[in-house]
Structures are given as C-alpha cells and as structure tokens.
Amino acid sequence: MAEEYALDLKTIARLQGSAKMLQREITPLTIRIDASIRCIFFHLHFSYNFWERILAEKFNDGRQDNIKIISYARGEVLRA
C-alpha cells in the first residue's frame, strides 16, 4: 500500500527546481483516464544510482489546486 502525501503546486515547482539544480531530469507526463480524473506521472531520473516514480492526482480542495501522491516508488539502478 502506497503512502499518500498532499503537495501543492508550489511544492511541486520547488521539487522540479531542486531536481534541475541536482542535475536530475524530471519529466511530467499527463495521463487522461477519463473526462473527470486527471493523473500526473512524474518520473525523476537520478543521474547516477537511483530512480524515482511518483503517480499523483491533481485536485482542487476549494481553496487551491493540490496534488495527492497516490503511489511512490524508488529503487536502485541495476547495472549489467
């Protein structure tokens, strides 16, 4: 079972900025499941030893847009 986190869009922007400063690539790919549900898939590619994947759903709680992470995985890069 994945841990759930709520991140606002400013936090995601900071995460993207940090990834760039650390020479990591962050590639957002938007996946439309249906007209009412929108998920955002962030793949953080670490330059050296680790990969990280976040599947997050964007929602509005009435005050601001938030992103709820619905799954998170991190692992060591396997080398041949």
PDB file of N, CA and C in Angstrom:
ATOM      1  N   MET A   1       0.841  -1.185   0.000  1.00  0.00           N
ATOM      2  CA  MET A   1       0.000   0.000   0.000  1.00  0.00           C
ATOM      3  C   MET A   1       0.885   1.247   0.000  1.00  0.00           C
ATOM      4  N   ALA A   2       0.591   2.159  -0.884  1.00  0.00           N
ATOM      5  CA  ALA A   2       1.421   3.349  -1.032  1.00  0.00           C
ATOM      6  C   ALA A   2       1.080   4.375   0.041  1.00  0.00           C
ATOM      7  N   GLU A   3       2.099   5.081   0.477  1.00  0.00           N
ATOM      8  CA  GLU A   3       1.860   6.201   1.369  1.00  0.00           C
ATOM      9  C   GLU A   3       1.277   7.341   0.544  1.00  0.00           C
ATOM     10  N   GLU A   4       0.412   8.134   1.179  1.00  0.00           N
ATOM     11  CA  GLU A   4      -0.209   9.244   0.473  1.00  0.00           C
ATOM     12  C   GLU A   4       0.307  10.563   1.038  1.00  0.00           C
ATOM     13  N   TYR A   5       0.582  11.483   0.145  1.00  0.00           N
ATOM     14  CA  TYR A   5       1.049  12.806   0.530  1.00  0.00           C
ATOM     15  C   TYR A   5       0.212  13.823  -0.230  1.00  0.00           C
ATOM     16  N   ALA A   6       0.033  14.974   0.337  1.00  0.00           N
ATOM     17  CA  ALA A   6      -0.621  16.062  -0.383  1.00  0.00           C
ATOM     18  C   ALA A   6       0.408  17.160  -0.602  1.00  0.00           C
ATOM     19  N   LEU A   7       0.653  17.484  -1.841  1.00  0.00           N
ATOM     20  CA  LEU A   7       1.600  18.537  -2.183  1.00  0.00           C
ATOM     21  C   LEU A   7       0.878  19.593  -3.004  1.00  0.00           C
ATOM     22  N   ASP A   8       1.119  20.856  -2.674  1.00  0.00           N
ATOM     23  CA  ASP A   8       0.529  21.895  -3.506  1.00  0.00           C
ATOM     24  C   ASP A   8       1.421  22.144  -4.724  1.00  0.00           C
ATOM     25  N   LEU A   9       0.919  22.925  -5.644  1.00  0.00           N
ATOM     26  CA  LEU A   9       1.637  23.122  -6.900  1.00  0.00           C
ATOM     27  C   LEU A   9       2.959  23.861  -6.697  1.00  0.00           C
ATOM     28  N   LYS A  10       3.027  24.736  -5.673  1.00  0.00           N
ATOM     29  CA  LYS A  10       4.292  25.422  -5.393  1.00  0.00           C
ATOM     30  C   LYS A  10       5.350  24.426  -4.931  1.00  0.00           C
ATOM     31  N   THR A  11       4.935  23.442  -4.145  1.00  0.00           N
ATOM     32  CA  THR A  11       5.875  22.413  -3.691  1.00  0.00           C
ATOM     33  C   THR A  11       6.388  21.609  -4.869  1.00  0.00           C
ATOM     34  N   ILE A  12       5.492  21.266  -5.791  1.00  0.00           N
ATOM     35  CA  ILE A  12       5.909  20.538  -6.992  1.00  0.00           C
ATOM     36  C   ILE A  12       6.906  21.382  -7.790  1.00  0.00           C
ATOM     37  N   ALA A  13       6.652  22.688  -7.895  1.00  0.00           N
ATOM     38  CA  ALA A  13       7.574  23.561  -8.624  1.00  0.00           C
ATOM     39  C   ALA A  13       8.941  23.578  -7.947  1.00  0.00           C
ATOM     40  N   ARG A  14       8.954  23.625  -6.614  1.00  0.00           N
ATOM     41  CA  ARG A  14      10.234  23.585  -5.896  1.00  0.00           C
ATOM     42  C   ARG A  14      10.933  22.256  -6.130  1.00  0.00           C
ATOM     43  N   LEU A  15      10.157  21.176  -6.136  1.00  0.00           N
ATOM     44  CA  LEU A  15      10.728  19.856  -6.400  1.00  0.00           C
ATOM     45  C   LEU A  15      11.373  19.829  -7.782  1.00  0.00           C
ATOM     46  N   GLN A  16      10.683  20.409  -8.765  1.00  0.00           N
ATOM     47  CA  GLN A  16      11.238  20.456 -10.113  1.00  0.00           C
ATOM     48  C   GLN A  16      12.503  21.302 -10.146  1.00  0.00           C
ATOM     49  N   GLY A  17      12.501  22.437  -9.436  1.00  0.00           N
ATOM     50  CA  GLY A  17      13.683  23.286  -9.390  1.00  0.00           C
ATOM     51  C   GLY A  17      14.855  22.577  -8.737  1.00  0.00           C
ATOM     52  N   SER A  18      14.593  21.863  -7.655  1.00  0.00           N
ATOM     53  CA  SER A  18      15.652  21.122  -6.972  1.00  0.00           C
ATOM     54  C   SER A  18      16.207  20.035  -7.870  1.00  0.00           C
ATOM     55  N   ALA A  19      15.329  19.367  -8.601  1.00  0.00           N
ATOM     56  CA  ALA A  19      15.774  18.306  -9.498  1.00  0.00           C
ATOM     57  C   ALA A  19      16.727  18.872 -10.546  1.00  0.00           C
ATOM     58  N   LYS A  20      16.408  20.067 -11.062  1.00  0.00           N
ATOM     59  CA  LYS A  20      17.278  20.680 -12.068  1.00  0.00           C
ATOM     60  C   LYS A  20      18.620  21.069 -11.456  1.00  0.00           C
ATOM     61  N   MET A  21      18.585  21.608 -10.238  1.00  0.00           N
ATOM     62  CA  MET A  21      19.835  22.008  -9.589  1.00  0.00           C
ATOM     63  C   MET A  21      20.724  20.802  -9.321  1.00  0.00           C
ATOM     64  N   LEU A  22      20.110  19.668  -9.047  1.00  0.00           N
ATOM     65  CA  LEU A  22      20.871  18.461  -8.759  1.00  0.00           C
ATOM     66  C   LEU A  22      21.195  17.677 -10.030  1.00  0.00           C
ATOM     67  N   GLN A  23      20.963  18.308 -11.182  1.00  0.00           N
ATOM     68  CA  GLN A  23      21.228  17.692 -12.485  1.00  0.00           C
ATOM     69  C   GLN A  23      20.437  16.396 -12.654  1.00  0.00           C
ATOM     70  N   ARG A  24      19.187  16.452 -12.234  1.00  0.00           N
ATOM     71  CA  ARG A  24      18.286  15.326 -12.430  1.00  0.00           C
ATOM     72  C   ARG A  24      17.208  15.789 -13.396  1.00  0.00           C
ATOM     73  N   GLU A  25      16.728  14.877 -14.181  1.00  0.00           N
ATOM     74  CA  GLU A  25      15.672  15.212 -15.123  1.00  0.00           C
ATOM     75  C   GLU A  25      14.343  14.874 -14.475  1.00  0.00           C
ATOM     76  N   ILE A  26      13.389  15.787 -14.597  1.00  0.00           N
ATOM     77  CA  ILE A  26      12.030  15.478 -14.159  1.00  0.00           C
ATOM     78  C   ILE A  26      11.124  15.678 -15.364  1.00  0.00           C
ATOM     79  N   THR A  27      10.426  14.641 -15.731  1.00  0.00           N
ATOM     80  CA  THR A  27       9.609  14.664 -16.932  1.00  0.00           C
ATOM     81  C   THR A  27       8.153  14.443 -16.557  1.00  0.00           C
ATOM     82  N   PRO A  28       7.337  15.489 -16.574  1.00  0.00           N
ATOM     83  CA  PRO A  28       5.929  15.274 -16.293  1.00  0.00           C
ATOM     84  C   PRO A  28       5.198  14.767 -17.539  1.00  0.00           C
ATOM     85  N   LEU A  29       4.396  13.756 -17.361  1.00  0.00           N
ATOM     86  CA  LEU A  29       3.602  13.194 -18.445  1.00  0.00           C
ATOM     87  C   LEU A  29       2.166  13.125 -17.948  1.00  0.00           C
ATOM     88  N   THR A  30       1.277  13.844 -18.612  1.00  0.00           N
ATOM     89  CA  THR A  30      -0.111  13.870 -18.175  1.00  0.00           C
ATOM     90  C   THR A  30      -0.868  12.724 -18.819  1.00  0.00           C
ATOM     91  N   ILE A  31      -1.587  11.979 -18.001  1.00  0.00           N
ATOM     92  CA  ILE A  31      -2.366  10.842 -18.480  1.00  0.00           C
ATOM     93  C   ILE A  31      -3.837  11.134 -18.210  1.00  0.00           C
ATOM     94  N   ARG A  32      -4.644  11.170 -19.249  1.00  0.00           N
ATOM     95  CA  ARG A  32      -6.076  11.405 -19.059  1.00  0.00           C
ATOM     96  C   ARG A  32      -6.771  10.048 -18.966  1.00  0.00           C
ATOM     97  N   ILE A  33      -7.361   9.774 -17.812  1.00  0.00           N
ATOM     98  CA  ILE A  33      -8.048   8.498 -17.611  1.00  0.00           C
ATOM     99  C   ILE A  33      -9.488   8.607 -18.099  1.00  0.00           C
ATOM    100  N   ASP A  34     -10.174   9.667 -17.717  1.00  0.00           N
ATOM    101  CA  ASP A  34     -11.484   9.980 -18.283  1.00  0.00           C
ATOM    102  C   ASP A  34     -11.674  11.485 -18.150  1.00  0.00           C
ATOM    103  N   ALA A  35     -12.858  11.972 -18.474  1.00  0.00           N
ATOM    104  CA  ALA A  35     -13.059  13.418 -18.512  1.00  0.00           C
ATOM    105  C   ALA A  35     -12.923  14.061 -17.136  1.00  0.00           C
ATOM    106  N   SER A  36     -13.172  13.307 -16.065  1.00  0.00           N
ATOM    107  CA  SER A  36     -13.202  13.924 -14.740  1.00  0.00           C
ATOM    108  C   SER A  36     -11.963  13.634 -13.898  1.00  0.00           C
ATOM    109  N   ILE A  37     -11.158  12.661 -14.285  1.00  0.00           N
ATOM    110  CA  ILE A  37      -9.988  12.299 -13.488  1.00  0.00           C
ATOM    111  C   ILE A  37      -8.739  12.601 -14.294  1.00  0.00           C
ATOM    112  N   ARG A  38      -7.810  13.290 -13.676  1.00  0.00           N
ATOM    113  CA  ARG A  38      -6.558  13.619 -14.354  1.00  0.00           C
ATOM    114  C   ARG A  38      -5.416  13.223 -13.442  1.00  0.00           C
ATOM    115  N   CYS A  39      -4.538  12.407 -13.936  1.00  0.00           N
ATOM    116  CA  CYS A  39      -3.386  11.986 -13.151  1.00  0.00           C
ATOM    117  C   CYS A  39      -2.124  12.530 -13.796  1.00  0.00           C
ATOM    118  N   ILE A  40      -1.163  12.837 -12.969  1.00  0.00           N
ATOM    119  CA  ILE A  40       0.116  13.332 -13.458  1.00  0.00           C
ATOM    120  C   ILE A  40       1.181  12.348 -13.019  1.00  0.00           C
ATOM    121  N   PHE A  41       1.991  11.935 -13.959  1.00  0.00           N
ATOM    122  CA  PHE A  41       3.052  10.981 -13.681  1.00  0.00           C
ATOM    123  C   PHE A  41       4.376  11.730 -13.750  1.00  0.00           C
ATOM    124  N   PHE A  42       5.085  11.754 -12.648  1.00  0.00           N
ATOM    125  CA  PHE A  42       6.395  12.393 -12.613  1.00  0.00           C
ATOM    126  C   PHE A  42       7.451  11.308 -12.557  1.00  0.00           C
ATOM    127  N   HIS A  43       8.373  11.353 -13.453  1.00  0.00           N
ATOM    128  CA  HIS A  43       9.486  10.405 -13.411  1.00  0.00           C
ATOM    129  C   HIS A  43      10.737  11.208 -13.129  1.00  0.00           C
ATOM    130  N   LEU A  44      11.316  11.023 -11.948  1.00  0.00           N
ATOM    131  CA  LEU A  44      12.563  11.692 -11.606  1.00  0.00           C
ATOM    132  C   LEU A  44      13.687  10.745 -11.941  1.00  0.00           C
ATOM    133  N   HIS A  45      14.463  11.116 -12.927  1.00  0.00           N
ATOM    134  CA  HIS A  45      15.575  10.254 -13.323  1.00  0.00           C
ATOM    135  C   HIS A  45      16.830  10.755 -12.627  1.00  0.00           C
ATOM    136  N   PHE A  46      17.334   9.985 -11.693  1.00  0.00           N
ATOM    137  CA  PHE A  46      18.544  10.381 -10.979  1.00  0.00           C
ATOM    138  C   PHE A  46      19.748  10.130 -11.883  1.00  0.00           C
ATOM    139  N   SER A  47      20.689  11.029 -11.862  1.00  0.00           N
ATOM    140  CA  SER A  47      21.836  10.946 -12.764  1.00  0.00           C
ATOM    141  C   SER A  47      22.666   9.692 -12.549  1.00  0.00           C
ATOM    142  N   TYR A  48      22.713   9.201 -11.331  1.00  0.00           N
ATOM    143  CA  TYR A  48      23.646   8.110 -11.055  1.00  0.00           C
ATOM    144  C   TYR A  48      22.963   6.818 -10.620  1.00  0.00           C
ATOM    145  N   ASN A  49      22.545   6.715  -9.378  1.00  0.00           N
ATOM    146  CA  ASN A  49      22.243   5.394  -8.833  1.00  0.00           C
ATOM    147  C   ASN A  49      20.774   5.086  -8.558  1.00  0.00           C
ATOM    148  N   PHE A  50      19.910   6.062  -8.600  1.00  0.00           N
ATOM    149  CA  PHE A  50      18.541   5.794  -8.174  1.00  0.00           C
ATOM    150  C   PHE A  50      17.525   6.303  -9.196  1.00  0.00           C
ATOM    151  N   TRP A  51      16.393   5.659  -9.211  1.00  0.00           N
ATOM    152  CA  TRP A  51      15.257   6.159  -9.982  1.00  0.00           C
ATOM    153  C   TRP A  51      14.118   6.381  -8.998  1.00  0.00           C
ATOM    154  N   GLU A  52      13.166   7.206  -9.383  1.00  0.00           N
ATOM    155  CA  GLU A  52      12.058   7.553  -8.504  1.00  0.00           C
ATOM    156  C   GLU A  52      10.837   7.811  -9.374  1.00  0.00           C
ATOM    157  N   ARG A  53       9.716   7.227  -8.989  1.00  0.00           N
ATOM    158  CA  ARG A  53       8.482   7.432  -9.751  1.00  0.00           C
ATOM    159  C   ARG A  53       7.380   7.883  -8.805  1.00  0.00           C
ATOM    160  N   ILE A  54       6.623   8.867  -9.252  1.00  0.00           N
ATOM    161  CA  ILE A  54       5.508   9.371  -8.462  1.00  0.00           C
ATOM    162  C   ILE A  54       4.279   9.429  -9.370  1.00  0.00           C
ATOM    163  N   LEU A  55       3.184   8.829  -8.926  1.00  0.00           N
ATOM    164  CA  LEU A  55       1.906   8.957  -9.625  1.00  0.00           C
ATOM    165  C   LEU A  55       1.021   9.822  -8.744  1.00  0.00           C
ATOM    166  N   ALA A  56       0.572  10.942  -9.283  1.00  0.00           N
ATOM    167  CA  ALA A  56      -0.155  11.900  -8.463  1.00  0.00           C
ATOM    168  C   ALA A  56      -1.425  12.343  -9.172  1.00  0.00           C
ATOM    169  N   GLU A  57      -2.434  12.623  -8.379  1.00  0.00           N
ATOM    170  CA  GLU A  57      -3.701  13.111  -8.911  1.00  0.00           C
ATOM    171  C   GLU A  57      -3.858  14.572  -8.526  1.00  0.00           C
ATOM    172  N   LYS A  58      -4.183  15.400  -9.503  1.00  0.00           N
ATOM    173  CA  LYS A  58      -4.411  16.815  -9.242  1.00  0.00           C
ATOM    174  C   LYS A  58      -5.873  17.005  -8.844  1.00  0.00           C
ATOM    175  N   PHE A  59      -6.102  17.769  -7.766  1.00  0.00           N
ATOM    176  CA  PHE A  59      -7.473  18.029  -7.350  1.00  0.00           C
ATOM    177  C   PHE A  59      -7.554  19.421  -6.754  1.00  0.00           C
ATOM    178  N   ASN A  60      -8.765  19.941  -6.648  1.00  0.00           N
ATOM    179  CA  ASN A  60      -8.981  21.249  -6.044  1.00  0.00           C
ATOM    180  C   ASN A  60      -9.795  21.041  -4.783  1.00  0.00           C
ATOM    181  N   ASP A  61      -9.254  21.504  -3.650  1.00  0.00           N
ATOM    182  CA  ASP A  61      -9.947  21.315  -2.377  1.00  0.00           C
ATOM    183  C   ASP A  61     -10.844  22.496  -2.030  1.00  0.00           C
ATOM    184  N   GLY A  62     -11.108  23.352  -3.009  1.00  0.00           N
ATOM    185  CA  GLY A  62     -11.955  24.510  -2.783  1.00  0.00           C
ATOM    186  C   GLY A  62     -11.158  25.776  -2.521  1.00  0.00           C
ATOM    187  N   ARG A  63      -9.919  25.624  -2.057  1.00  0.00           N
ATOM    188  CA  ARG A  63      -9.066  26.781  -1.788  1.00  0.00           C
ATOM    189  C   ARG A  63      -7.968  26.915  -2.830  1.00  0.00           C
ATOM    190  N   GLN A  64      -7.383  25.805  -3.216  1.00  0.00           N
ATOM    191  CA  GLN A  64      -6.273  25.838  -4.171  1.00  0.00           C
ATOM    192  C   GLN A  64      -6.140  24.471  -4.814  1.00  0.00           C
ATOM    193  N   ASP A  65      -5.401  24.447  -5.906  1.00  0.00           N
ATOM    194  CA  ASP A  65      -5.086  23.165  -6.529  1.00  0.00           C
ATOM    195  C   ASP A  65      -4.045  22.443  -5.687  1.00  0.00           C
ATOM    196  N   ASN A  66      -4.235  21.172  -5.499  1.00  0.00           N
ATOM    197  CA  ASN A  66      -3.285  20.339  -4.781  1.00  0.00           C
ATOM    198  C   ASN A  66      -2.971  19.115  -5.620  1.00  0.00           C
ATOM    199  N   ILE A  67      -1.902  18.459  -5.266  1.00  0.00           N
ATOM    200  CA  ILE A  67      -1.555  17.199  -5.903  1.00  0.00           C
ATOM    201  C   ILE A  67      -1.440  16.156  -4.814  1.00  0.00           C
ATOM    202  N   LYS A  68      -2.203  15.091  -4.938  1.00  0.00           N
ATOM    203  CA  LYS A  68      -2.136  13.995  -3.977  1.00  0.00           C
ATOM    204  C   LYS A  68      -1.362  12.855  -4.611  1.00  0.00           C
ATOM    205  N   ILE A  69      -0.278  12.482  -3.969  1.00  0.00           N
ATOM    206  CA  ILE A  69       0.518  11.380  -4.494  1.00  0.00           C
ATOM    207  C   ILE A  69      -0.181  10.075  -4.145  1.00  0.00           C
ATOM    208  N   ILE A  70      -0.460   9.257  -5.162  1.00  0.00           N
ATOM    209  CA  ILE A  70      -1.183   8.011  -4.922  1.00  0.00           C
ATOM    210  C   ILE A  70      -0.285   6.795  -5.013  1.00  0.00           C
ATOM    211  N   SER A  71       0.893   6.956  -5.572  1.00  0.00           N
ATOM    212  CA  SER A  71       1.865   5.869  -5.464  1.00  0.00           C
ATOM    213  C   SER A  71       3.265   6.436  -5.622  1.00  0.00           C
ATOM    214  N   TYR A  72       4.195   5.785  -4.966  1.00  0.00           N
ATOM    215  CA  TYR A  72       5.569   6.271  -4.955  1.00  0.00           C
ATOM    216  C   TYR A  72       6.491   5.069  -4.962  1.00  0.00           C
ATOM    217  N   ALA A  73       7.485   5.114  -5.801  1.00  0.00           N
ATOM    218  CA  ALA A  73       8.447   4.013  -5.843  1.00  0.00           C
ATOM    219  C   ALA A  73       9.836   4.588  -6.046  1.00  0.00           C
ATOM    220  N   ARG A  74      10.800   3.986  -5.386  1.00  0.00           N
ATOM    221  CA  ARG A  74      12.190   4.407  -5.557  1.00  0.00           C
ATOM    222  C   ARG A  74      13.057   3.166  -5.501  1.00  0.00           C
ATOM    223  N   GLY A  75      14.029   3.101  -6.363  1.00  0.00           N
ATOM    224  CA  GLY A  75      14.874   1.923  -6.363  1.00  0.00           C
ATOM    225  C   GLY A  75      16.259   2.210  -6.883  1.00  0.00           C
ATOM    226  N   GLU A  76      17.117   1.275  -6.683  1.00  0.00           N
ATOM    227  CA  GLU A  76      18.492   1.412  -7.149  1.00  0.00           C
ATOM    228  C   GLU A  76      18.561   1.007  -8.614  1.00  0.00           C
ATOM    229  N   VAL A  77      19.340   1.744  -9.373  1.00  0.00           N
ATOM    230  CA  VAL A  77      19.532   1.410 -10.778  1.00  0.00           C
ATOM    231  C   VAL A  77      20.392   0.157 -10.863  1.00  0.00           C
ATOM    232  N   LEU A  78      19.903  -0.822 -11.599  1.00  0.00           N
ATOM    233  CA  LEU A  78      20.660  -2.062 -11.764  1.00  0.00           C
ATOM    234  C   LEU A  78      21.540  -1.937 -12.997  1.00  0.00           C
ATOM    235  N   ARG A  79      22.776  -2.293 -12.859  1.00  0.00           N
ATOM    236  CA  ARG A  79      23.718  -2.190 -13.976  1.00  0.00           C
ATOM    237  C   ARG A  79      24.083  -3.583 -14.464  1.00  0.00           C
ATOM    238  N   ALA A  80      24.188  -3.710 -15.787  1.00  0.00           N
ATOM    239  CA  ALA A  80      24.513  -5.022 -16.367  1.00  0.00           C
ATOM    240  C   ALA A  80      25.969  -5.368 -16.128  1.00  0.00           C
TER     241      ALA A  80
END
